Amino acid sequence: MSSIPVTYQENSDIQKRRWMILIVLNLFTFMATLDGSIVNIALPVLSKSLGLPIAQIEWVTTGYLMAICAAILFFGKLGDIAGKIRIFKIGTVVFIIGSLLCGLSNTLPVLIASRVIQAIGASMTMANSQGIVTDIFPASERGKALGFIGTFVSLGSIAGPSLGGIIVSSLGWEYIFWVNVPIGLIAIILGWKVLPKDLVRVKDRIDIPGSTLFSFFIVLLFAGLLLGQQIGYGDTRIVVSLVVAVCAFAAFLWVEIRKTQPLLNLSLFKNPLFSVSILCGFLVFAANFCFNIIAPFYAQNMLNLSPFDAGFLLMLLPISMVIVAPISGAMSDKIGSELLTFAGLIVMVVAQIGLAKLHAGSSVLLVGLWIAMLGIGSGLFQSPNNSLIMSKVPRTQLGSAGSVNSLVRNVGMVVGITLATTILFHVMSNEAGYRVTGLIPGRPDIFLEGMHVVFMTSASICFVAAVLTGWRLIGARRLKMQAEKG
């Protein structure tokens, strides 16, 4: 009599279709992260279409990111309890419904509400996709599989502006959302056929106080950071919002420490490799989004490229990532992750310093070289780092760990955007002698001064991550030597 498989690795049918499962996961990973940045290029069109100022339209983007960050830990925990695959499947349907409603929206409140629905679906898929991969793929292929997910995350988040420009100029802003519907329906049909039933579930309760406090913290933090750019961080309302956000986070940690079934299992962070990997992931996404927000302005306003040409220049980053990340993931399965992540960060530091040296007369070839190098460094780093994070977690906490990784990634995006624009406008204001919140016609030198400081800051962020990774590399080698002696 044959025994019942207790893991997905022991089930030959599931192993035969594991790469098809990965394709389904990656389709939604790509769409969910793409929708965090693809709308940015359509904001001027939306502003005209709905008759609203840009400052209000920006909430179409920020509302999506806020909702994802506020909900992602909840759905990671729910995935551990109700089944990661079940929550992922429900999330795919919610995401497609939200996408359809976004394209049908004719007022800002309806559009933002539709974006929140879309974000809830996205957070359900994001929170559980890495856990599903870690569960299904054997250890010998896990780095490669997580590498593909890391590639599609970065590809989606960075390719948004260039793809969005092509869609908006040829079809209209509604199709930025509607393009998800046919692709999503194909992925849903495939998913329901190839995704197996959940094997691992945990008998826990949902942490309502923790979920509420964390959502409160995220909304107040993001609102304070983003509104602070418009009205100034010295405004009393902004200061109160940020102070209350810090208090909410402290209360969240206090509640979680005392809970027997917390929303966020803080014991995950007792593993220094997990904690360092999570922190490095945050730093890299913050640094990359400094580039993501500044580079389009440089390409179009300093190099005088058309939006179409600028989009193709910026695509060098995701293209080089697509090539390097799967190779890096496969290598991490053979030689380990620590050395690859360190090498990737060093390449990123060099690329960011190169970007900081650019000026209005720089050749497009040189700009493309530094952008491609940044993509190569990111590709070298992301896959092994994801593998390190997920390999240090017990099976019963994979949903929670995956949601923490996704949360940190999304918070890194917002922090990167906020940091880059705050530094840029602060430097430009000092140079101009008055408050600046946009480009100054006829003064490219002032923008370039701000851009140089932004890219040196992002290079410093990557350098800090490289130092932490170097420490991790030395620690891993020391443990290996001790194991060999013992």
Protein backbone atom coordinates (compact mmCIF):
# COMPACT_ATOMS: atom_id res chain seq x y z
CA MET A 1 0.00 0.00 0.00
CA SER A 2 1.46 3.40 -1.02
CA SER A 3 1.95 6.01 1.68
CA ILE A 4 0.23 9.42 1.52
CA PRO A 5 2.70 12.21 0.69
CA VAL A 6 3.24 14.58 3.63
CA THR A 7 5.14 17.19 1.60
CA TYR A 8 4.79 18.48 -1.94
CA GLN A 9 8.32 17.26 -2.71
CA GLU A 10 7.14 13.68 -2.15
CA ASN A 11 4.25 14.03 -4.61
CA SER A 12 5.51 13.19 -8.11
CA ASP A 13 2.43 14.70 -9.86
CA ILE A 14 2.98 18.06 -8.20
CA GLN A 15 6.71 17.97 -8.93
CA LYS A 16 5.96 17.40 -12.62
CA ARG A 17 3.98 20.64 -12.79
CA ARG A 18 6.04 22.74 -10.34
CA TRP A 19 7.38 25.05 -13.08
CA MET A 20 3.86 25.67 -14.41
CA ILE A 21 2.85 26.56 -10.84
CA LEU A 22 5.75 29.02 -10.75
CA ILE A 23 4.53 30.64 -14.00
CA VAL A 24 1.08 31.22 -12.47
CA LEU A 25 2.62 32.71 -9.30
CA ASN A 26 4.91 34.95 -11.36
CA LEU A 27 2.09 36.29 -13.55
CA PHE A 28 0.29 37.66 -10.49
CA THR A 29 3.53 38.73 -8.84
CA PHE A 30 4.34 40.76 -11.95
CA MET A 31 0.88 42.34 -12.27
CA ALA A 32 0.58 43.17 -8.56
CA THR A 33 3.97 44.92 -8.40
CA LEU A 34 3.54 46.54 -11.85
CA ASP A 35 0.34 48.22 -10.65
CA GLY A 36 2.29 49.95 -7.88
CA SER A 37 4.25 52.04 -10.43
CA ILE A 38 2.49 51.84 -13.81
CA VAL A 39 -0.11 54.45 -12.83
CA ASN A 40 2.52 57.16 -12.18
CA ILE A 41 2.96 57.97 -15.86
CA ALA A 42 -0.84 58.24 -16.33
CA LEU A 43 -1.34 60.75 -13.49
CA PRO A 44 -1.31 63.85 -15.77
CA VAL A 45 -3.86 62.18 -18.08
CA LEU A 46 -6.03 61.15 -15.11
CA SER A 47 -5.78 64.68 -13.74
CA LYS A 48 -7.19 66.12 -16.99
CA SER A 49 -9.78 63.35 -17.42
CA LEU A 50 -11.21 63.73 -13.90
CA GLY A 51 -10.56 67.48 -13.62
CA LEU A 52 -8.47 67.24 -10.47
CA PRO A 53 -5.03 68.56 -9.39
CA ILE A 54 -2.01 66.21 -9.42
CA ALA A 55 -1.72 66.36 -5.59
CA GLN A 56 -5.11 64.64 -5.28
CA ILE A 57 -4.56 62.21 -8.16
CA GLU A 58 -1.34 60.96 -6.50
CA TRP A 59 -3.52 59.08 -4.00
CA VAL A 60 -4.39 56.65 -6.80
CA THR A 61 -0.81 55.38 -6.45
CA THR A 62 -0.23 55.91 -2.74
CA GLY A 63 -3.62 54.47 -1.73
CA TYR A 64 -2.69 51.21 -3.50
CA LEU A 65 0.70 50.93 -1.75
CA MET A 66 -0.78 51.88 1.64
CA ALA A 67 -3.51 49.25 1.38
CA ILE A 68 -1.00 46.53 0.42
CA CYS A 69 1.31 47.33 3.34
CA ALA A 70 -1.58 47.60 5.80
CA ALA A 71 -3.07 44.22 4.83
CA ILE A 72 -0.09 42.05 3.87
CA LEU A 73 0.86 40.74 7.33
CA PHE A 74 -2.78 39.85 8.00
CA PHE A 75 -3.03 37.79 4.80
CA GLY A 76 0.34 36.13 5.47
CA LYS A 77 -0.93 34.96 8.85
CA LEU A 78 -4.28 33.97 7.33
CA GLY A 79 -2.38 31.94 4.74
CA ASP A 80 -0.65 29.95 7.49
CA ILE A 81 -4.05 29.31 9.15
CA ALA A 82 -6.45 28.80 6.22
CA GLY A 83 -3.92 27.63 3.61
CA LYS A 84 -1.50 29.70 1.52
CA ILE A 85 -2.79 28.32 -1.80
CA ARG A 86 -6.44 28.96 -0.89
CA ILE A 87 -5.73 32.60 0.05
CA PHE A 88 -3.62 33.06 -3.10
CA LYS A 89 -6.48 31.78 -5.29
CA ILE A 90 -9.03 34.09 -3.65
CA GLY A 91 -6.58 36.98 -4.03
CA THR A 92 -6.28 36.44 -7.79
CA VAL A 93 -10.04 36.82 -8.21
CA VAL A 94 -10.22 39.93 -5.96
CA PHE A 95 -7.32 41.53 -7.88
CA ILE A 96 -9.02 41.03 -11.26
CA ILE A 97 -12.35 42.42 -9.97
CA GLY A 98 -10.50 45.46 -8.60
CA SER A 99 -8.68 45.96 -11.93
CA LEU A 100 -11.97 45.86 -13.85
CA LEU A 101 -13.59 48.38 -11.48
CA CYS A 102 -10.57 50.74 -11.72
CA GLY A 103 -11.01 51.06 -15.49
CA LEU A 104 -14.74 51.74 -15.07
CA SER A 105 -14.25 54.47 -12.43
CA ASN A 106 -15.31 58.01 -13.35
CA THR A 107 -14.65 59.83 -10.05
CA LEU A 108 -11.62 59.94 -7.74
CA PRO A 109 -13.33 58.35 -4.67
CA VAL A 110 -14.58 55.43 -6.80
CA LEU A 111 -11.14 54.99 -8.40
CA ILE A 112 -9.36 55.01 -5.02
CA ALA A 113 -11.90 52.53 -3.58
CA SER A 114 -11.35 50.27 -6.62
CA ARG A 115 -7.59 50.56 -6.12
CA VAL A 116 -8.00 49.45 -2.49
CA ILE A 117 -9.95 46.37 -3.67
CA GLN A 118 -7.18 45.69 -6.19
CA ALA A 119 -4.55 46.14 -3.46
CA ILE A 120 -6.30 43.68 -1.12
CA GLY A 121 -6.16 41.05 -3.87
CA ALA A 122 -2.52 41.92 -4.57
CA SER A 123 -1.58 41.60 -0.89
CA MET A 124 -3.27 38.17 -0.70
CA THR A 125 -1.10 36.93 -3.57
CA MET A 126 2.11 38.71 -2.54
CA ALA A 127 1.91 37.48 1.06
CA ASN A 128 1.73 33.82 0.08
CA SER A 129 3.55 33.31 -3.23
CA GLN A 130 7.04 32.94 -1.71
CA GLY A 131 5.75 30.52 0.92
CA ILE A 132 4.10 28.38 -1.79
CA VAL A 133 7.37 28.24 -3.77
CA THR A 134 9.38 27.31 -0.67
CA ASP A 135 6.86 24.57 0.13
CA ILE A 136 6.70 23.08 -3.37
CA PHE A 137 10.26 23.30 -4.70
CA PRO A 138 13.01 21.02 -3.36
CA ALA A 139 15.93 22.71 -1.61
CA SER A 140 18.18 22.07 -4.63
CA GLU A 141 15.98 24.30 -6.85
CA ARG A 142 14.54 26.73 -4.29
CA GLY A 143 17.06 29.50 -5.01
CA LYS A 144 16.35 29.34 -8.73
CA ALA A 145 12.56 29.39 -8.17
CA LEU A 146 12.67 32.26 -5.66
CA GLY A 147 15.05 33.97 -8.06
CA PHE A 148 12.36 33.99 -10.74
CA ILE A 149 9.85 35.46 -8.28
CA GLY A 150 12.40 38.10 -7.25
CA THR A 151 12.98 38.89 -10.92
CA PHE A 152 9.29 39.40 -11.62
CA VAL A 153 8.86 41.52 -8.48
CA SER A 154 11.64 43.88 -9.56
CA LEU A 155 10.59 43.72 -13.21
CA GLY A 156 7.03 44.70 -12.31
CA SER A 157 8.05 47.51 -9.97
CA ILE A 158 10.64 49.06 -12.30
CA ALA A 159 9.06 48.44 -15.74
CA GLY A 160 5.86 50.30 -14.80
CA PRO A 161 6.69 53.78 -16.16
CA SER A 162 7.91 52.58 -19.57
CA LEU A 163 5.06 50.08 -20.14
CA GLY A 164 2.52 52.56 -18.79
CA GLY A 165 3.68 55.22 -21.22
CA ILE A 166 3.18 52.91 -24.21
CA ILE A 167 -0.31 51.79 -23.03
CA VAL A 168 -1.54 55.31 -22.15
CA SER A 169 -0.33 56.85 -25.42
CA SER A 170 -1.83 54.12 -27.60
CA LEU A 171 -4.99 52.92 -25.79
CA GLY A 172 -5.96 55.26 -22.94
CA TRP A 173 -5.55 55.29 -19.14
CA GLU A 174 -8.34 52.71 -18.52
CA TYR A 175 -6.27 50.02 -20.23
CA ILE A 176 -3.53 50.33 -17.63
CA PHE A 177 -5.99 48.48 -15.39
CA TRP A 178 -7.93 46.50 -17.98
CA VAL A 179 -4.79 44.85 -19.37
CA ASN A 180 -4.75 42.83 -16.12
CA VAL A 181 -8.15 41.26 -16.83
CA PRO A 182 -7.42 38.92 -19.80
CA ILE A 183 -3.94 38.02 -18.48
CA GLY A 184 -5.36 37.48 -15.00
CA LEU A 185 -8.23 35.28 -16.24
CA ILE A 186 -5.76 33.03 -18.09
CA ALA A 187 -3.61 32.82 -14.95
CA ILE A 188 -6.67 32.05 -12.78
CA ILE A 189 -7.79 29.20 -15.08
CA LEU A 190 -4.24 27.80 -15.11
CA GLY A 191 -3.95 28.25 -11.35
CA TRP A 192 -7.11 26.37 -10.52
CA LYS A 193 -5.84 23.49 -12.68
CA VAL A 194 -2.22 23.25 -11.53
CA LEU A 195 -2.17 24.55 -7.94
CA PRO A 196 -2.50 21.68 -5.42
CA LYS A 197 -4.52 21.61 -2.20
CA ASP A 198 -2.93 22.97 0.96
CA LEU A 199 -1.02 20.46 3.08
CA VAL A 200 0.27 22.72 5.87
CA ARG A 201 -2.09 24.68 8.11
CA VAL A 202 -1.68 26.04 11.62
CA LYS A 203 -4.36 26.07 14.33
CA ASP A 204 -4.15 29.74 15.27
CA ARG A 205 -6.49 32.69 15.73
CA ILE A 206 -6.31 35.96 13.83
CA ASP A 207 -4.72 38.69 15.93
CA ILE A 208 -7.33 41.48 15.63
CA PRO A 209 -5.64 44.03 17.99
CA GLY A 210 -2.29 43.51 16.26
CA SER A 211 -3.83 43.79 12.77
CA THR A 212 -5.66 47.00 13.71
CA LEU A 213 -2.61 48.67 15.30
CA PHE A 214 -0.37 47.73 12.37
CA SER A 215 -2.84 49.08 9.78
CA PHE A 216 -3.16 52.28 11.84
CA PHE A 217 0.65 52.62 11.91
CA ILE A 218 1.02 52.13 8.14
CA VAL A 219 -1.74 54.59 7.18
CA LEU A 220 -0.49 57.33 9.53
CA LEU A 221 3.17 56.82 8.54
CA PHE A 222 2.55 56.88 4.80
CA ALA A 223 0.07 59.76 5.01
CA GLY A 224 2.56 61.78 7.09
CA LEU A 225 5.52 61.07 4.78
CA LEU A 226 3.63 61.73 1.54
CA LEU A 227 1.63 64.77 2.66
CA GLY A 228 4.77 66.19 4.29
CA GLN A 229 6.31 66.61 0.84
CA GLN A 230 3.37 68.77 -0.26
CA ILE A 231 2.91 71.01 2.79
CA GLY A 232 6.26 70.63 4.60
CA TYR A 233 7.38 68.35 7.42
CA GLY A 234 7.31 71.22 9.91
CA ASP A 235 3.49 71.37 9.72
CA THR A 236 1.91 70.45 13.08
CA ARG A 237 -0.50 67.96 11.46
CA ILE A 238 2.37 66.09 9.80
CA VAL A 239 4.40 66.00 13.03
CA VAL A 240 1.37 64.67 14.98
CA SER A 241 0.69 62.04 12.30
CA LEU A 242 4.28 60.74 12.40
CA VAL A 243 4.45 60.78 16.22
CA VAL A 244 1.17 58.88 16.53
CA ALA A 245 2.44 56.41 13.88
CA VAL A 246 5.53 55.72 16.01
CA CYS A 247 3.31 55.26 19.11
CA ALA A 248 1.03 52.88 17.18
CA PHE A 249 4.05 50.82 16.10
CA ALA A 250 5.37 50.68 19.68
CA ALA A 251 1.92 49.56 20.88
CA PHE A 252 1.84 46.93 18.09
CA LEU A 253 5.19 45.48 19.24
CA TRP A 254 4.00 45.53 22.89
CA VAL A 255 0.86 43.59 21.94
CA GLU A 256 2.75 41.11 19.73
CA ILE A 257 5.31 40.25 22.44
CA ARG A 258 2.49 39.29 24.81
CA LYS A 259 0.33 37.38 22.32
CA THR A 260 0.49 33.58 22.18
CA GLN A 261 -0.75 33.70 18.56
CA PRO A 262 0.61 37.03 17.21
CA LEU A 263 0.09 38.56 13.78
CA LEU A 264 3.87 38.88 13.45
CA ASN A 265 5.92 36.15 15.08
CA LEU A 266 8.83 38.19 16.40
CA SER A 267 10.80 34.99 17.04
CA LEU A 268 11.53 35.03 13.28
CA PHE A 269 13.91 37.91 13.93
CA LYS A 270 15.89 35.97 16.53
CA ASN A 271 17.66 34.37 13.57
CA PRO A 272 20.33 36.96 12.66
CA LEU A 273 20.58 35.69 9.05
CA PHE A 274 16.82 36.24 8.57
CA SER A 275 16.95 39.71 10.15
CA VAL A 276 20.00 40.87 8.18
CA SER A 277 18.54 39.53 4.92
CA ILE A 278 15.24 41.34 5.54
CA LEU A 279 17.03 44.59 6.37
CA CYS A 280 19.26 44.35 3.28
CA GLY A 281 16.20 43.70 1.10
CA PHE A 282 14.59 46.86 2.48
CA LEU A 283 17.73 48.94 1.85
CA VAL A 284 18.08 47.70 -1.75
CA PHE A 285 14.45 48.47 -2.65
CA ALA A 286 14.77 51.93 -1.07
CA ALA A 287 17.95 52.57 -3.12
CA ASN A 288 16.40 51.25 -6.35
CA PHE A 289 13.33 53.44 -5.96
CA CYS A 290 15.55 56.49 -5.52
CA PHE A 291 16.67 55.65 -9.07
CA ASN A 292 13.14 54.84 -10.20
CA ILE A 293 11.75 58.26 -9.30
CA ILE A 294 14.73 60.41 -10.41
CA ALA A 295 15.89 58.68 -13.62
CA PRO A 296 12.79 59.48 -15.77
CA PHE A 297 13.23 63.23 -15.05
CA TYR A 298 16.93 63.05 -15.93
CA ALA A 299 16.31 61.10 -19.16
CA GLN A 300 13.51 63.36 -20.40
CA ASN A 301 14.50 66.80 -19.09
CA MET A 302 18.32 66.65 -19.08
CA LEU A 303 19.02 64.29 -22.01
CA ASN A 304 15.94 65.59 -23.91
CA LEU A 305 14.73 62.09 -24.76
CA SER A 306 11.08 61.50 -25.67
CA PRO A 307 8.99 59.55 -23.09
CA PHE A 308 9.08 56.57 -25.48
CA ASP A 309 12.91 56.66 -25.86
CA ALA A 310 13.39 57.33 -22.14
CA GLY A 311 11.21 54.32 -21.39
CA PHE A 312 13.41 52.06 -23.50
CA LEU A 313 16.58 53.45 -21.87
CA LEU A 314 15.17 52.74 -18.39
CA MET A 315 14.14 49.24 -19.51
CA LEU A 316 17.85 48.31 -19.49
CA LEU A 317 17.55 47.83 -15.72
CA PRO A 318 14.73 45.22 -15.72
CA ILE A 319 16.12 43.55 -18.86
CA SER A 320 19.54 43.02 -17.26
CA MET A 321 17.80 41.81 -14.09
CA VAL A 322 15.77 39.27 -16.08
CA ILE A 323 18.98 37.86 -17.52
CA VAL A 324 21.04 37.85 -14.30
CA ALA A 325 18.54 36.97 -11.52
CA PRO A 326 17.67 33.39 -12.64
CA ILE A 327 21.39 32.64 -13.15
CA SER A 328 22.16 34.08 -9.72
CA GLY A 329 19.34 32.05 -8.16
CA ALA A 330 20.61 28.84 -9.75
CA MET A 331 24.18 29.60 -8.62
CA SER A 332 22.99 30.20 -5.05
CA ASP A 333 21.68 26.61 -4.97
CA LYS A 334 25.22 25.41 -5.74
CA ILE A 335 27.63 27.83 -4.00
CA GLY A 336 25.41 29.47 -1.36
CA SER A 337 23.82 32.92 -1.24
CA GLU A 338 26.14 35.07 0.88
CA LEU A 339 28.92 35.71 -1.67
CA LEU A 340 26.44 36.47 -4.50
CA THR A 341 24.48 39.01 -2.43
CA PHE A 342 27.73 40.75 -1.42
CA ALA A 343 28.96 40.89 -5.04
CA GLY A 344 25.59 42.25 -6.20
CA LEU A 345 25.67 45.06 -3.64
CA ILE A 346 29.22 46.07 -4.58
CA VAL A 347 28.16 46.30 -8.25
CA MET A 348 25.16 48.42 -7.19
CA VAL A 349 27.38 50.79 -5.18
CA VAL A 350 29.66 51.31 -8.21
CA ALA A 351 26.63 51.86 -10.51
CA GLN A 352 25.02 54.40 -8.15
CA ILE A 353 28.30 56.36 -7.89
CA GLY A 354 28.50 56.30 -11.70
CA LEU A 355 24.94 57.67 -11.92
CA ALA A 356 25.89 60.42 -9.44
CA LYS A 357 28.63 61.59 -11.85
CA LEU A 358 26.28 62.10 -14.82
CA HIS A 359 25.51 65.56 -16.20
CA ALA A 360 23.41 67.14 -18.97
CA GLY A 361 26.01 66.32 -21.63
CA SER A 362 26.56 62.66 -20.70
CA SER A 363 26.29 60.21 -23.57
CA VAL A 364 23.27 57.93 -23.68
CA LEU A 365 25.68 54.99 -24.00
CA LEU A 366 27.33 55.84 -20.66
CA VAL A 367 23.94 56.33 -18.97
CA GLY A 368 22.80 52.97 -20.35
CA LEU A 369 25.95 51.31 -19.02
CA TRP A 370 25.35 52.50 -15.44
CA ILE A 371 21.64 51.59 -15.63
CA ALA A 372 22.47 48.08 -16.89
CA MET A 373 25.10 47.70 -14.14
CA LEU A 374 22.48 48.63 -11.55
CA GLY A 375 20.21 45.94 -12.99
CA ILE A 376 23.03 43.36 -12.93
CA GLY A 377 23.80 44.18 -9.28
CA SER A 378 20.11 43.97 -8.35
CA GLY A 379 19.77 40.65 -10.16
CA LEU A 380 22.82 39.22 -8.39
CA PHE A 381 21.42 40.31 -5.01
CA GLN A 382 17.67 39.68 -5.11
CA SER A 383 17.41 35.95 -5.84
CA PRO A 384 19.98 34.68 -3.30
CA ASN A 385 18.65 37.11 -0.67
CA ASN A 386 15.08 35.83 -1.09
CA SER A 387 16.41 32.28 -0.85
CA LEU A 388 18.26 33.14 2.37
CA ILE A 389 15.15 34.69 3.92
CA MET A 390 12.79 31.81 3.15
CA SER A 391 15.27 29.01 3.90
CA LYS A 392 15.61 30.14 7.54
CA VAL A 393 11.91 29.75 8.33
CA PRO A 394 9.92 26.70 9.59
CA ARG A 395 7.22 25.40 7.22
CA THR A 396 4.42 26.51 9.57
CA GLN A 397 5.55 30.15 9.32
CA LEU A 398 6.28 30.43 5.57
CA GLY A 399 3.19 32.58 4.94
CA SER A 400 4.18 35.00 7.70
CA ALA A 401 7.81 35.15 6.53
CA GLY A 402 6.76 35.70 2.90
CA SER A 403 4.39 38.49 3.94
CA VAL A 404 7.15 40.16 6.02
CA ASN A 405 9.47 40.00 2.99
CA SER A 406 6.79 41.51 0.72
CA LEU A 407 5.88 44.15 3.31
CA VAL A 408 9.51 45.24 3.68
CA ARG A 409 9.79 45.42 -0.11
CA ASN A 410 6.73 47.69 -0.44
CA VAL A 411 7.76 49.90 2.49
CA GLY A 412 11.21 50.15 0.85
CA MET A 413 9.55 51.42 -2.34
CA VAL A 414 7.66 54.17 -0.50
CA VAL A 415 10.68 55.15 1.63
CA GLY A 416 12.86 55.28 -1.50
CA ILE A 417 10.41 57.54 -3.34
CA THR A 418 9.96 59.78 -0.29
CA LEU A 419 13.69 59.96 0.47
CA ALA A 420 14.66 60.73 -3.13
CA THR A 421 12.10 63.50 -3.66
CA THR A 422 12.70 65.02 -0.21
CA ILE A 423 16.49 65.20 -0.79
CA LEU A 424 16.06 66.42 -4.38
CA PHE A 425 13.71 69.28 -3.49
CA HIS A 426 15.69 70.21 -0.35
CA VAL A 427 18.95 70.56 -2.32
CA MET A 428 17.18 72.38 -5.17
CA SER A 429 15.53 74.76 -2.69
CA ASN A 430 18.90 75.56 -1.08
CA GLU A 431 20.45 76.21 -4.49
CA ALA A 432 17.52 78.32 -5.73
CA GLY A 433 17.07 80.28 -2.48
CA TYR A 434 13.32 79.53 -2.24
CA ARG A 435 11.05 76.47 -1.72
CA VAL A 436 11.11 74.22 -4.80
CA THR A 437 8.72 71.32 -5.45
CA GLY A 438 9.34 70.82 -9.17
CA LEU A 439 11.75 71.40 -12.04
CA ILE A 440 12.90 74.99 -12.62
CA PRO A 441 12.77 75.95 -16.35
CA GLY A 442 16.18 76.95 -17.67
CA ARG A 443 18.09 75.76 -14.58
CA PRO A 444 19.16 72.15 -15.27
CA ASP A 445 22.19 72.71 -13.02
CA ILE A 446 19.97 72.94 -9.93
CA PHE A 447 18.22 69.65 -10.74
CA LEU A 448 21.56 67.94 -11.44
CA GLU A 449 22.94 69.12 -8.08
CA GLY A 450 19.97 67.52 -6.32
CA MET A 451 20.23 64.37 -8.45
CA HIS A 452 23.92 63.94 -7.57
CA VAL A 453 23.12 64.07 -3.83
CA VAL A 454 20.24 61.58 -4.25
CA PHE A 455 22.42 59.03 -6.07
CA MET A 456 25.31 59.41 -3.59
CA THR A 457 22.75 58.79 -0.83
CA SER A 458 21.45 55.66 -2.56
CA ALA A 459 25.07 54.51 -3.08
CA SER A 460 25.63 54.96 0.67
CA ILE A 461 22.50 52.92 1.40
CA CYS A 462 23.81 50.09 -0.80
CA PHE A 463 27.21 50.36 0.90
CA VAL A 464 25.59 49.89 4.33
CA ALA A 465 23.80 46.81 2.97
CA ALA A 466 27.14 45.55 1.55
CA VAL A 467 28.81 45.92 4.98
CA LEU A 468 25.96 43.98 6.63
CA THR A 469 26.18 41.31 3.94
CA GLY A 470 29.94 41.10 4.36
CA TRP A 471 29.40 40.48 8.07
CA ARG A 472 26.85 37.81 7.16
CA LEU A 473 29.33 36.21 4.74
CA ILE A 474 32.09 36.08 7.37
CA GLY A 475 29.63 34.60 9.91
CA ALA A 476 28.44 31.92 7.49
CA ARG A 477 32.03 30.89 6.66
CA ARG A 478 32.92 30.77 10.36
CA LEU A 479 29.95 28.46 11.05
CA LYS A 480 30.96 26.25 8.12
CA MET A 481 34.53 25.94 9.45
CA GLN A 482 33.24 25.09 12.92
CA ALA A 483 30.95 22.41 11.47
CA GLU A 484 33.85 20.89 9.52
CA LYS A 485 36.04 20.82 12.64
CA GLY A 486 33.24 19.34 14.74
